[in-house]
Amino acid sequence: MALASMTGFARSEGEYKQTRWVWELRSVNGKGLDVRMRLPQGFDALEVQARALFSKAFKRGNITANLQIQREQGDNTLAINEEALDQVLKAVELLKARMPDASAPSIDGILAHKGVLELKEPEESEEDKTRIAEGILASLSDAVDGLQAMRQTEGAAVGGLLISQVDEIARLTKQAEELPSRQTDVIRARLAKQIEELLEASSKLDEQRLHQEAALLATKADVREEIDRLIAHVAAVRELAQAGGPIGRRLDFLAQEFNREANTLCSKSNSVELTTIGLELKTVIDQMREQIQNLE
């Protein structure tokens, strides 16, 4: 399964008779899947089926889905609003009663009164409404496929960067493992020399206690466990990247573990070379984590 980014854009459109529609989808990073629907008035009933399409295609990301509807003017007809006409005629009778010498309004004048004459659009049949709803959902399905394809394209690019960063972590880990300064014999010899210099400086120092402290320091300076864990984390990232799918959360956890081992490596360091490698590891790990934030 391919890796997928959480960022992308897709657009699709369709039409049926005098009705046209356009879907626009935008996706950005998110902790979970959050879909915000913007539907025109009268199309709220489509939301449940629309959300099901998103839930089936995506696991994470903040997605905005915007539906725009346009209707072309059809064969409109003029019709008289009977209620409005009755109100106008009642007003005319009232005026006649109070002003008998006034001239009666013309038919044109009555029809010109606001609301009496209406321009009516042809009503959609139930079959037309069903066809439009089906067409809108089909277009949404196309847009979802397009968004999914774009997220996978970006995911492949992020995956390539991720692998190169993991390779760099593996190289630095191997470099740390091969440093002469971290060999047990080297650490022991350095501590033995320091003990000898201390004993020469003062005869009051307890030689046995110094050797015990030196052994403890040598144990603390050993970074074998940290190196082994770094190697294991590298293998885990490569395995996850190979499997693909929604692995962003697991990769983010591994990035935290990488950072923990790099910090410990620096704190246990007994040489400038090992400290430098630890700092370089932290830089690469931070870069890798930025890329992981984009993955589903």
C-alpha atoms as a PDB file:
ATOM      1  CA  MET A   1       0.000   0.000   0.000  1.00  0.00           C
ATOM      2  CA  ALA A   2       1.351   3.429  -0.948  1.00  0.00           C
ATOM      3  CA  LEU A   3       2.214   6.169   1.510  1.00  0.00           C
ATOM      4  CA  ALA A   4      -0.173   9.120   1.495  1.00  0.00           C
ATOM      5  CA  SER A   5       0.286  12.744   2.450  1.00  0.00           C
ATOM      6  CA  MET A   6      -2.509  14.620   4.221  1.00  0.00           C
ATOM      7  CA  THR A   7      -2.334  17.661   1.928  1.00  0.00           C
ATOM      8  CA  GLY A   8      -4.040  17.906  -1.456  1.00  0.00           C
ATOM      9  CA  PHE A   9      -6.706  19.491  -3.646  1.00  0.00           C
ATOM     10  CA  ALA A  10      -9.276  18.076  -6.068  1.00  0.00           C
ATOM     11  CA  ARG A  11     -12.131  19.428  -8.193  1.00  0.00           C
ATOM     12  CA  SER A  12     -14.938  17.794 -10.150  1.00  0.00           C
ATOM     13  CA  GLU A  13     -18.120  18.993 -11.824  1.00  0.00           C
ATOM     14  CA  GLY A  14     -21.259  17.699 -13.469  1.00  0.00           C
ATOM     15  CA  GLU A  15     -24.651  18.719 -14.809  1.00  0.00           C
ATOM     16  CA  TYR A  16     -28.165  17.464 -15.366  1.00  0.00           C
ATOM     17  CA  LYS A  17     -30.587  19.455 -17.535  1.00  0.00           C
ATOM     18  CA  GLN A  18     -30.503  23.054 -16.243  1.00  0.00           C
ATOM     19  CA  THR A  19     -28.539  22.230 -13.077  1.00  0.00           C
ATOM     20  CA  ARG A  20     -24.735  22.383 -12.855  1.00  0.00           C
ATOM     21  CA  TRP A  21     -22.567  21.621  -9.833  1.00  0.00           C
ATOM     22  CA  VAL A  22     -18.913  21.847  -8.787  1.00  0.00           C
ATOM     23  CA  TRP A  23     -17.118  20.106  -5.926  1.00  0.00           C
ATOM     24  CA  GLU A  24     -13.868  21.504  -4.505  1.00  0.00           C
ATOM     25  CA  LEU A  25     -11.951  19.491  -1.901  1.00  0.00           C
ATOM     26  CA  ARG A  26      -9.016  20.743   0.162  1.00  0.00           C
ATOM     27  CA  SER A  27      -7.032  18.661   2.639  1.00  0.00           C
ATOM     28  CA  VAL A  28      -4.395  19.635   5.221  1.00  0.00           C
ATOM     29  CA  ASN A  29      -2.692  17.945   8.167  1.00  0.00           C
ATOM     30  CA  GLY A  30      -4.791  16.770  11.096  1.00  0.00           C
ATOM     31  CA  LYS A  31      -4.557  14.465  14.105  1.00  0.00           C
ATOM     32  CA  GLY A  32      -7.642  12.569  12.962  1.00  0.00           C
ATOM     33  CA  LEU A  33     -10.183  12.744  10.133  1.00  0.00           C
ATOM     34  CA  ASP A  34     -12.205  15.972  10.259  1.00  0.00           C
ATOM     35  CA  VAL A  35     -14.492  16.672   7.266  1.00  0.00           C
ATOM     36  CA  ARG A  36     -16.243  20.026   7.011  1.00  0.00           C
ATOM     37  CA  MET A  37     -19.101  20.079   4.505  1.00  0.00           C
ATOM     38  CA  ARG A  38     -20.371  23.258   2.858  1.00  0.00           C
ATOM     39  CA  LEU A  39     -23.624  22.401   1.112  1.00  0.00           C
ATOM     40  CA  PRO A  40     -26.150  24.811  -0.455  1.00  0.00           C
ATOM     41  CA  GLN A  41     -29.606  25.098   1.053  1.00  0.00           C
ATOM     42  CA  GLY A  42     -31.761  22.155   0.084  1.00  0.00           C
ATOM     43  CA  PHE A  43     -28.912  19.658  -0.278  1.00  0.00           C
ATOM     44  CA  ASP A  44     -28.301  18.815   3.376  1.00  0.00           C
ATOM     45  CA  ALA A  45     -29.699  15.314   2.849  1.00  0.00           C
ATOM     46  CA  LEU A  46     -26.558  14.401   0.879  1.00  0.00           C
ATOM     47  CA  GLU A  47     -24.236  14.916   3.856  1.00  0.00           C
ATOM     48  CA  VAL A  48     -24.499  11.413   5.354  1.00  0.00           C
ATOM     49  CA  GLN A  49     -23.609   9.654   2.099  1.00  0.00           C
ATOM     50  CA  ALA A  50     -20.903  12.218   1.359  1.00  0.00           C
ATOM     51  CA  ARG A  51     -19.236  11.671   4.735  1.00  0.00           C
ATOM     52  CA  ALA A  52     -19.287   7.922   4.160  1.00  0.00           C
ATOM     53  CA  LEU A  53     -17.201   8.413   0.985  1.00  0.00           C
ATOM     54  CA  PHE A  54     -14.565  10.350   2.934  1.00  0.00           C
ATOM     55  CA  SER A  55     -14.468   7.853   5.803  1.00  0.00           C
ATOM     56  CA  LYS A  56     -13.901   5.008   3.372  1.00  0.00           C
ATOM     57  CA  ALA A  57     -11.040   6.754   1.524  1.00  0.00           C
ATOM     58  CA  PHE A  58      -9.136   8.551   4.311  1.00  0.00           C
ATOM     59  CA  LYS A  59      -7.989   7.964   7.885  1.00  0.00           C
ATOM     60  CA  ARG A  60      -6.508  11.351   8.770  1.00  0.00           C
ATOM     61  CA  GLY A  61      -6.573  14.967   7.611  1.00  0.00           C
ATOM     62  CA  ASN A  62      -8.668  18.120   7.921  1.00  0.00           C
ATOM     63  CA  ILE A  63     -10.789  18.145   4.745  1.00  0.00           C
ATOM     64  CA  THR A  64     -13.048  20.932   3.497  1.00  0.00           C
ATOM     65  CA  ALA A  65     -15.667  19.911   0.913  1.00  0.00           C
ATOM     66  CA  ASN A  66     -17.447  22.765  -0.871  1.00  0.00           C
ATOM     67  CA  LEU A  67     -20.427  22.182  -3.209  1.00  0.00           C
ATOM     68  CA  GLN A  68     -21.583  24.961  -5.554  1.00  0.00           C
ATOM     69  CA  ILE A  69     -24.870  24.736  -7.483  1.00  0.00           C
ATOM     70  CA  GLN A  70     -25.878  26.789 -10.538  1.00  0.00           C
ATOM     71  CA  ARG A  71     -29.267  26.638 -12.241  1.00  0.00           C
ATOM     72  CA  GLU A  72     -29.852  27.960 -15.752  1.00  0.00           C
ATOM     73  CA  GLN A  73     -33.092  29.746 -16.461  1.00  0.00           C
ATOM     74  CA  GLY A  74     -35.589  27.420 -18.087  1.00  0.00           C
ATOM     75  CA  ASP A  75     -38.972  28.149 -19.634  1.00  0.00           C
ATOM     76  CA  ASN A  76     -40.271  30.437 -16.888  1.00  0.00           C
ATOM     77  CA  THR A  77     -43.990  31.291 -16.796  1.00  0.00           C
ATOM     78  CA  LEU A  78     -45.964  34.251 -15.489  1.00  0.00           C
ATOM     79  CA  ALA A  79     -48.544  33.529 -12.816  1.00  0.00           C
ATOM     80  CA  ILE A  80     -50.898  35.647 -10.708  1.00  0.00           C
ATOM     81  CA  ASN A  81     -50.495  35.438  -6.949  1.00  0.00           C
ATOM     82  CA  GLU A  82     -54.138  35.087  -5.916  1.00  0.00           C
ATOM     83  CA  GLU A  83     -53.501  36.068  -2.304  1.00  0.00           C
ATOM     84  CA  ALA A  84     -51.636  39.247  -3.258  1.00  0.00           C
ATOM     85  CA  LEU A  85     -54.317  40.112  -5.851  1.00  0.00           C
ATOM     86  CA  ASP A  86     -57.100  39.755  -3.262  1.00  0.00           C
ATOM     87  CA  GLN A  87     -55.298  42.154  -0.917  1.00  0.00           C
ATOM     88  CA  VAL A  88     -54.887  44.743  -3.700  1.00  0.00           C
ATOM     89  CA  LEU A  89     -58.572  44.488  -4.704  1.00  0.00           C
ATOM     90  CA  LYS A  90     -59.690  44.890  -1.099  1.00  0.00           C
ATOM     91  CA  ALA A  91     -57.557  48.011  -0.848  1.00  0.00           C
ATOM     92  CA  VAL A  92     -59.167  49.328  -4.088  1.00  0.00           C
ATOM     93  CA  GLU A  93     -62.722  48.762  -2.686  1.00  0.00           C
ATOM     94  CA  LEU A  94     -61.737  50.525   0.524  1.00  0.00           C
ATOM     95  CA  LEU A  95     -60.461  53.527  -1.418  1.00  0.00           C
ATOM     96  CA  LYS A  96     -63.638  53.645  -3.559  1.00  0.00           C
ATOM     97  CA  ALA A  97     -65.763  53.755  -0.412  1.00  0.00           C
ATOM     98  CA  ARG A  98     -63.783  56.628   1.011  1.00  0.00           C
ATOM     99  CA  MET A  99     -63.018  58.417  -2.263  1.00  0.00           C
ATOM    100  CA  PRO A 100     -66.041  57.820  -4.583  1.00  0.00           C
ATOM    101  CA  ASP A 101     -64.943  60.463  -7.094  1.00  0.00           C
ATOM    102  CA  ALA A 102     -61.498  58.902  -7.600  1.00  0.00           C
ATOM    103  CA  SER A 103     -60.885  57.057 -10.820  1.00  0.00           C
ATOM    104  CA  ALA A 104     -60.623  53.282 -10.630  1.00  0.00           C
ATOM    105  CA  PRO A 105     -57.125  51.777 -11.099  1.00  0.00           C
ATOM    106  CA  SER A 106     -56.430  50.094 -14.398  1.00  0.00           C
ATOM    107  CA  ILE A 107     -55.731  46.405 -14.773  1.00  0.00           C
ATOM    108  CA  ASP A 108     -52.156  47.275 -15.764  1.00  0.00           C
ATOM    109  CA  GLY A 109     -51.776  49.248 -12.558  1.00  0.00           C
ATOM    110  CA  ILE A 110     -53.084  46.378 -10.449  1.00  0.00           C
ATOM    111  CA  LEU A 111     -50.785  43.842 -12.133  1.00  0.00           C
ATOM    112  CA  ALA A 112     -47.826  46.201 -11.723  1.00  0.00           C
ATOM    113  CA  HIS A 113     -48.256  46.087  -7.959  1.00  0.00           C
ATOM    114  CA  LYS A 114     -45.364  44.177  -6.381  1.00  0.00           C
ATOM    115  CA  GLY A 115     -46.158  40.535  -5.722  1.00  0.00           C
ATOM    116  CA  VAL A 116     -49.293  40.278  -7.849  1.00  0.00           C
ATOM    117  CA  LEU A 117     -47.560  38.998 -10.980  1.00  0.00           C
ATOM    118  CA  GLU A 118     -44.838  36.406 -10.394  1.00  0.00           C
ATOM    119  CA  LEU A 119     -42.262  34.762 -12.644  1.00  0.00           C
ATOM    120  CA  LYS A 120     -42.245  31.058 -11.806  1.00  0.00           C
ATOM    121  CA  GLU A 121     -39.510  28.602 -12.692  1.00  0.00           C
ATOM    122  CA  PRO A 122     -40.589  25.142 -13.772  1.00  0.00           C
ATOM    123  CA  GLU A 123     -40.692  22.787 -10.824  1.00  0.00           C
ATOM    124  CA  GLU A 124     -38.317  19.817 -10.794  1.00  0.00           C
ATOM    125  CA  SER A 125     -39.934  16.425 -10.841  1.00  0.00           C
ATOM    126  CA  GLU A 126     -39.005  13.842  -8.211  1.00  0.00           C
ATOM    127  CA  GLU A 127     -37.115  11.923 -10.892  1.00  0.00           C
ATOM    128  CA  ASP A 128     -35.061  15.035 -11.731  1.00  0.00           C
ATOM    129  CA  LYS A 129     -34.274  15.606  -8.061  1.00  0.00           C
ATOM    130  CA  THR A 130     -33.127  11.990  -7.711  1.00  0.00           C
ATOM    131  CA  ARG A 131     -30.965  12.189 -10.828  1.00  0.00           C
ATOM    132  CA  ILE A 132     -29.342  15.415  -9.617  1.00  0.00           C
ATOM    133  CA  ALA A 133     -28.590  13.945  -6.186  1.00  0.00           C
ATOM    134  CA  GLU A 134     -27.089  10.825  -7.781  1.00  0.00           C
ATOM    135  CA  GLY A 135     -24.998  12.951 -10.139  1.00  0.00           C
ATOM    136  CA  ILE A 136     -23.702  15.145  -7.317  1.00  0.00           C
ATOM    137  CA  LEU A 137     -22.621  12.101  -5.290  1.00  0.00           C
ATOM    138  CA  ALA A 138     -20.976  10.539  -8.363  1.00  0.00           C
ATOM    139  CA  SER A 139     -19.008  13.753  -8.919  1.00  0.00           C
ATOM    140  CA  LEU A 140     -17.997  13.766  -5.260  1.00  0.00           C
ATOM    141  CA  SER A 141     -16.725  10.201  -5.641  1.00  0.00           C
ATOM    142  CA  ASP A 142     -14.569  11.349  -8.573  1.00  0.00           C
ATOM    143  CA  ALA A 143     -13.244  14.260  -6.522  1.00  0.00           C
ATOM    144  CA  VAL A 144     -12.431  11.959  -3.605  1.00  0.00           C
ATOM    145  CA  ASP A 145     -10.509   9.674  -5.995  1.00  0.00           C
ATOM    146  CA  GLY A 146      -8.627  12.705  -7.314  1.00  0.00           C
ATOM    147  CA  LEU A 147      -7.783  13.912  -3.814  1.00  0.00           C
ATOM    148  CA  GLN A 148      -6.636  10.431  -2.855  1.00  0.00           C
ATOM    149  CA  ALA A 149      -4.380  10.236  -5.939  1.00  0.00           C
ATOM    150  CA  MET A 150      -2.820  13.629  -5.179  1.00  0.00           C
ATOM    151  CA  ARG A 151      -2.211  12.703  -1.546  1.00  0.00           C
ATOM    152  CA  GLN A 152      -0.533   9.475  -2.658  1.00  0.00           C
ATOM    153  CA  THR A 153       1.678  11.342  -5.142  1.00  0.00           C
ATOM    154  CA  GLU A 154       2.817  13.706  -2.413  1.00  0.00           C
ATOM    155  CA  GLY A 155       3.153  10.764  -0.025  1.00  0.00           C
ATOM    156  CA  ALA A 156       5.547   9.043  -2.427  1.00  0.00           C
ATOM    157  CA  ALA A 157       7.718  12.177  -2.494  1.00  0.00           C
ATOM    158  CA  VAL A 158       7.702  12.394   1.316  1.00  0.00           C
ATOM    159  CA  GLY A 159       8.515   8.681   1.482  1.00  0.00           C
ATOM    160  CA  GLY A 160      11.612   9.219  -0.672  1.00  0.00           C
ATOM    161  CA  LEU A 161      12.850  11.968   1.654  1.00  0.00           C
ATOM    162  CA  LEU A 162      12.046   9.817   4.674  1.00  0.00           C
ATOM    163  CA  ILE A 163      14.152   6.914   3.408  1.00  0.00           C
ATOM    164  CA  SER A 164      17.110   9.190   2.643  1.00  0.00           C
ATOM    165  CA  GLN A 165      16.924  10.593   6.179  1.00  0.00           C
ATOM    166  CA  VAL A 166      16.731   7.118   7.697  1.00  0.00           C
ATOM    167  CA  ASP A 167      19.775   6.123   5.635  1.00  0.00           C
ATOM    168  CA  GLU A 168      21.633   9.115   7.089  1.00  0.00           C
ATOM    169  CA  ILE A 169      20.626   8.071  10.625  1.00  0.00           C
ATOM    170  CA  ALA A 170      21.924   4.565   9.896  1.00  0.00           C
ATOM    171  CA  ARG A 171      25.221   5.995   8.606  1.00  0.00           C
ATOM    172  CA  LEU A 172      25.706   8.183  11.680  1.00  0.00           C
ATOM    173  CA  THR A 173      24.811   5.288  13.987  1.00  0.00           C
ATOM    174  CA  LYS A 174      27.421   3.077  12.330  1.00  0.00           C
ATOM    175  CA  GLN A 175      29.953   5.890  12.596  1.00  0.00           C
ATOM    176  CA  ALA A 176      29.227   6.192  16.328  1.00  0.00           C
ATOM    177  CA  GLU A 177      29.508   2.426  16.754  1.00  0.00           C
ATOM    178  CA  GLU A 178      32.959   2.382  15.146  1.00  0.00           C
ATOM    179  CA  LEU A 179      34.420   5.303  17.115  1.00  0.00           C
ATOM    180  CA  PRO A 180      37.626   4.213  18.924  1.00  0.00           C
ATOM    181  CA  SER A 181      36.710   6.427  21.896  1.00  0.00           C
ATOM    182  CA  ARG A 182      33.685   4.282  22.805  1.00  0.00           C
ATOM    183  CA  GLN A 183      35.576   0.976  22.969  1.00  0.00           C
ATOM    184  CA  THR A 184      35.634  -0.469  26.482  1.00  0.00           C
ATOM    185  CA  ASP A 185      39.423  -0.889  26.496  1.00  0.00           C
ATOM    186  CA  VAL A 186      39.931   2.742  25.519  1.00  0.00           C
ATOM    187  CA  ILE A 187      37.550   3.956  28.239  1.00  0.00           C
ATOM    188  CA  ARG A 188      39.248   1.720  30.816  1.00  0.00           C
ATOM    189  CA  ALA A 189      42.740   2.909  29.843  1.00  0.00           C
ATOM    190  CA  ARG A 190      41.702   6.577  30.002  1.00  0.00           C
ATOM    191  CA  LEU A 191      40.132   6.152  33.451  1.00  0.00           C
ATOM    192  CA  ALA A 192      43.129   4.158  34.718  1.00  0.00           C
ATOM    193  CA  LYS A 193      45.456   6.969  33.683  1.00  0.00           C
ATOM    194  CA  GLN A 194      43.267   9.524  35.428  1.00  0.00           C
ATOM    195  CA  ILE A 195      43.252   7.401  38.612  1.00  0.00           C
ATOM    196  CA  GLU A 196      47.009   7.095  38.505  1.00  0.00           C
ATOM    197  CA  GLU A 197      47.375  10.869  38.189  1.00  0.00           C
ATOM    198  CA  LEU A 198      45.030  11.408  41.138  1.00  0.00           C
ATOM    199  CA  LEU A 199      46.918   8.939  43.333  1.00  0.00           C
ATOM    200  CA  GLU A 200      50.186  10.601  42.495  1.00  0.00           C
ATOM    201  CA  ALA A 201      48.728  13.948  43.420  1.00  0.00           C
ATOM    202  CA  SER A 202      47.492  12.784  46.836  1.00  0.00           C
ATOM    203  CA  SER A 203      48.264   9.728  48.929  1.00  0.00           C
ATOM    204  CA  LYS A 204      45.085  10.234  50.984  1.00  0.00           C
ATOM    205  CA  LEU A 205      42.791   9.017  48.219  1.00  0.00           C
ATOM    206  CA  ASP A 206      41.255   5.529  48.582  1.00  0.00           C
ATOM    207  CA  GLU A 207      42.556   3.545  45.602  1.00  0.00           C
ATOM    208  CA  GLN A 208      39.826   0.866  45.838  1.00  0.00           C
ATOM    209  CA  ARG A 209      37.075   3.476  45.976  1.00  0.00           C
ATOM    210  CA  LEU A 210      38.546   5.230  42.963  1.00  0.00           C
ATOM    211  CA  HIS A 211      38.526   2.001  40.972  1.00  0.00           C
ATOM    212  CA  GLN A 212      34.879   1.405  41.935  1.00  0.00           C
ATOM    213  CA  GLU A 213      33.900   4.897  40.787  1.00  0.00           C
ATOM    214  CA  ALA A 214      35.877   4.392  37.575  1.00  0.00           C
ATOM    215  CA  ALA A 215      34.021   1.147  36.864  1.00  0.00           C
ATOM    216  CA  LEU A 216      30.703   2.947  37.403  1.00  0.00           C
ATOM    217  CA  LEU A 217      31.712   5.758  35.040  1.00  0.00           C
ATOM    218  CA  ALA A 218      32.818   3.244  32.429  1.00  0.00           C
ATOM    219  CA  THR A 219      29.413   1.547  32.624  1.00  0.00           C
ATOM    220  CA  LYS A 220      27.594   4.862  32.256  1.00  0.00           C
ATOM    221  CA  ALA A 221      29.754   5.803  29.275  1.00  0.00           C
ATOM    222  CA  ASP A 222      28.800   2.640  27.374  1.00  0.00           C
ATOM    223  CA  VAL A 223      26.337   3.532  24.585  1.00  0.00           C
ATOM    224  CA  ARG A 224      25.907   0.005  23.213  1.00  0.00           C
ATOM    225  CA  GLU A 225      22.224  -0.123  24.160  1.00  0.00           C
ATOM    226  CA  GLU A 226      21.509   3.242  22.537  1.00  0.00           C
ATOM    227  CA  ILE A 227      23.225   2.206  19.315  1.00  0.00           C
ATOM    228  CA  ASP A 228      21.342  -1.105  19.257  1.00  0.00           C
ATOM    229  CA  ARG A 229      18.027   0.705  19.713  1.00  0.00           C
ATOM    230  CA  LEU A 230      18.860   3.191  16.951  1.00  0.00           C
ATOM    231  CA  ILE A 231      19.614   0.283  14.611  1.00  0.00           C
ATOM    232  CA  ALA A 232      16.299  -1.362  15.582  1.00  0.00           C
ATOM    233  CA  HIS A 233      14.356   1.879  14.989  1.00  0.00           C
ATOM    234  CA  VAL A 234      15.939   2.294  11.550  1.00  0.00           C
ATOM    235  CA  ALA A 235      14.796  -1.221  10.620  1.00  0.00           C
ATOM    236  CA  ALA A 236      11.279  -0.495  11.946  1.00  0.00           C
ATOM    237  CA  VAL A 237      10.941   2.701   9.873  1.00  0.00           C
ATOM    238  CA  ARG A 238      12.086   0.937   6.722  1.00  0.00           C
ATOM    239  CA  GLU A 239       9.605  -1.886   7.346  1.00  0.00           C
ATOM    240  CA  LEU A 240       6.727   0.546   7.874  1.00  0.00           C
ATOM    241  CA  ALA A 241       7.647   2.578   4.781  1.00  0.00           C
ATOM    242  CA  GLN A 242       7.742  -0.615   2.735  1.00  0.00           C
ATOM    243  CA  ALA A 243       4.302  -1.684   4.002  1.00  0.00           C
ATOM    244  CA  GLY A 244       2.816   1.781   3.383  1.00  0.00           C
ATOM    245  CA  GLY A 245      -0.711   2.807   4.324  1.00  0.00           C
ATOM    246  CA  PRO A 246      -1.706   5.144   7.182  1.00  0.00           C
ATOM    247  CA  ILE A 247       1.506   4.875   9.250  1.00  0.00           C
ATOM    248  CA  GLY A 248       1.995   8.527  10.248  1.00  0.00           C
ATOM    249  CA  ARG A 249       1.225   8.025  13.952  1.00  0.00           C
ATOM    250  CA  ARG A 250       3.576   5.047  14.287  1.00  0.00           C
ATOM    251  CA  LEU A 251       6.349   6.905  12.469  1.00  0.00           C
ATOM    252  CA  ASP A 252       5.855   9.901  14.755  1.00  0.00           C
ATOM    253  CA  PHE A 253       6.294   7.617  17.778  1.00  0.00           C
ATOM    254  CA  LEU A 254       9.504   6.202  16.294  1.00  0.00           C
ATOM    255  CA  ALA A 255      10.779   9.742  15.649  1.00  0.00           C
ATOM    256  CA  GLN A 256      10.326  10.466  19.367  1.00  0.00           C
ATOM    257  CA  GLU A 257      12.257   7.291  20.202  1.00  0.00           C
ATOM    258  CA  PHE A 258      15.041   8.287  17.783  1.00  0.00           C
ATOM    259  CA  ASN A 259      15.295  11.650  19.524  1.00  0.00           C
ATOM    260  CA  ARG A 260      15.412  10.020  22.953  1.00  0.00           C
ATOM    261  CA  GLU A 261      18.348   7.799  21.962  1.00  0.00           C
ATOM    262  CA  ALA A 262      20.204  10.717  20.360  1.00  0.00           C
ATOM    263  CA  ASN A 263      19.820  12.753  23.567  1.00  0.00           C
ATOM    264  CA  THR A 264      21.122   9.875  25.672  1.00  0.00           C
ATOM    265  CA  LEU A 265      24.015   9.420  23.269  1.00  0.00           C
ATOM    266  CA  CYS A 266      25.010  13.046  23.796  1.00  0.00           C
ATOM    267  CA  SER A 267      24.630  12.863  27.585  1.00  0.00           C
ATOM    268  CA  LYS A 268      26.812   9.721  27.800  1.00  0.00           C
ATOM    269  CA  SER A 269      29.382  10.978  25.319  1.00  0.00           C
ATOM    270  CA  ASN A 270      33.007  10.717  26.386  1.00  0.00           C
ATOM    271  CA  SER A 271      34.458  12.367  23.281  1.00  0.00           C
ATOM    272  CA  VAL A 272      33.945  15.362  21.021  1.00  0.00           C
ATOM    273  CA  GLU A 273      33.449  13.009  18.069  1.00  0.00           C
ATOM    274  CA  LEU A 274      30.529  11.172  19.705  1.00  0.00           C
ATOM    275  CA  THR A 275      28.901  14.438  20.803  1.00  0.00           C
ATOM    276  CA  THR A 276      29.158  15.757  17.240  1.00  0.00           C
ATOM    277  CA  ILE A 277      27.514  12.610  15.888  1.00  0.00           C
ATOM    278  CA  GLY A 278      24.738  12.886  18.483  1.00  0.00           C
ATOM    279  CA  LEU A 279      24.014  16.480  17.477  1.00  0.00           C
ATOM    280  CA  GLU A 280      23.992  15.564  13.784  1.00  0.00           C
ATOM    281  CA  LEU A 281      21.562  12.764  14.587  1.00  0.00           C
ATOM    282  CA  LYS A 282      19.226  15.221  16.335  1.00  0.00           C
ATOM    283  CA  THR A 283      19.286  17.514  13.286  1.00  0.00           C
ATOM    284  CA  VAL A 284      18.382  14.704  10.879  1.00  0.00           C
ATOM    285  CA  ILE A 285      15.715  13.361  13.257  1.00  0.00           C
ATOM    286  CA  ASP A 286      14.072  16.808  13.477  1.00  0.00           C
ATOM    287  CA  GLN A 287      14.027  17.028   9.669  1.00  0.00           C
ATOM    288  CA  MET A 288      12.532  13.545   9.454  1.00  0.00           C
ATOM    289  CA  ARG A 289       9.851  14.393  11.986  1.00  0.00           C
ATOM    290  CA  GLU A 290       8.791  17.434   9.941  1.00  0.00           C
ATOM    291  CA  GLN A 291       8.209  15.148   6.957  1.00  0.00           C
ATOM    292  CA  ILE A 292       6.356  12.581   9.071  1.00  0.00           C
ATOM    293  CA  GLN A 293       3.858  15.262  10.163  1.00  0.00           C
ATOM    294  CA  ASN A 294       2.607  15.360   6.549  1.00  0.00           C
ATOM    295  CA  LEU A 295       1.901  11.622   6.336  1.00  0.00           C
ATOM    296  CA  GLU A 296      -1.517  10.088   6.879  1.00  0.00           C
END
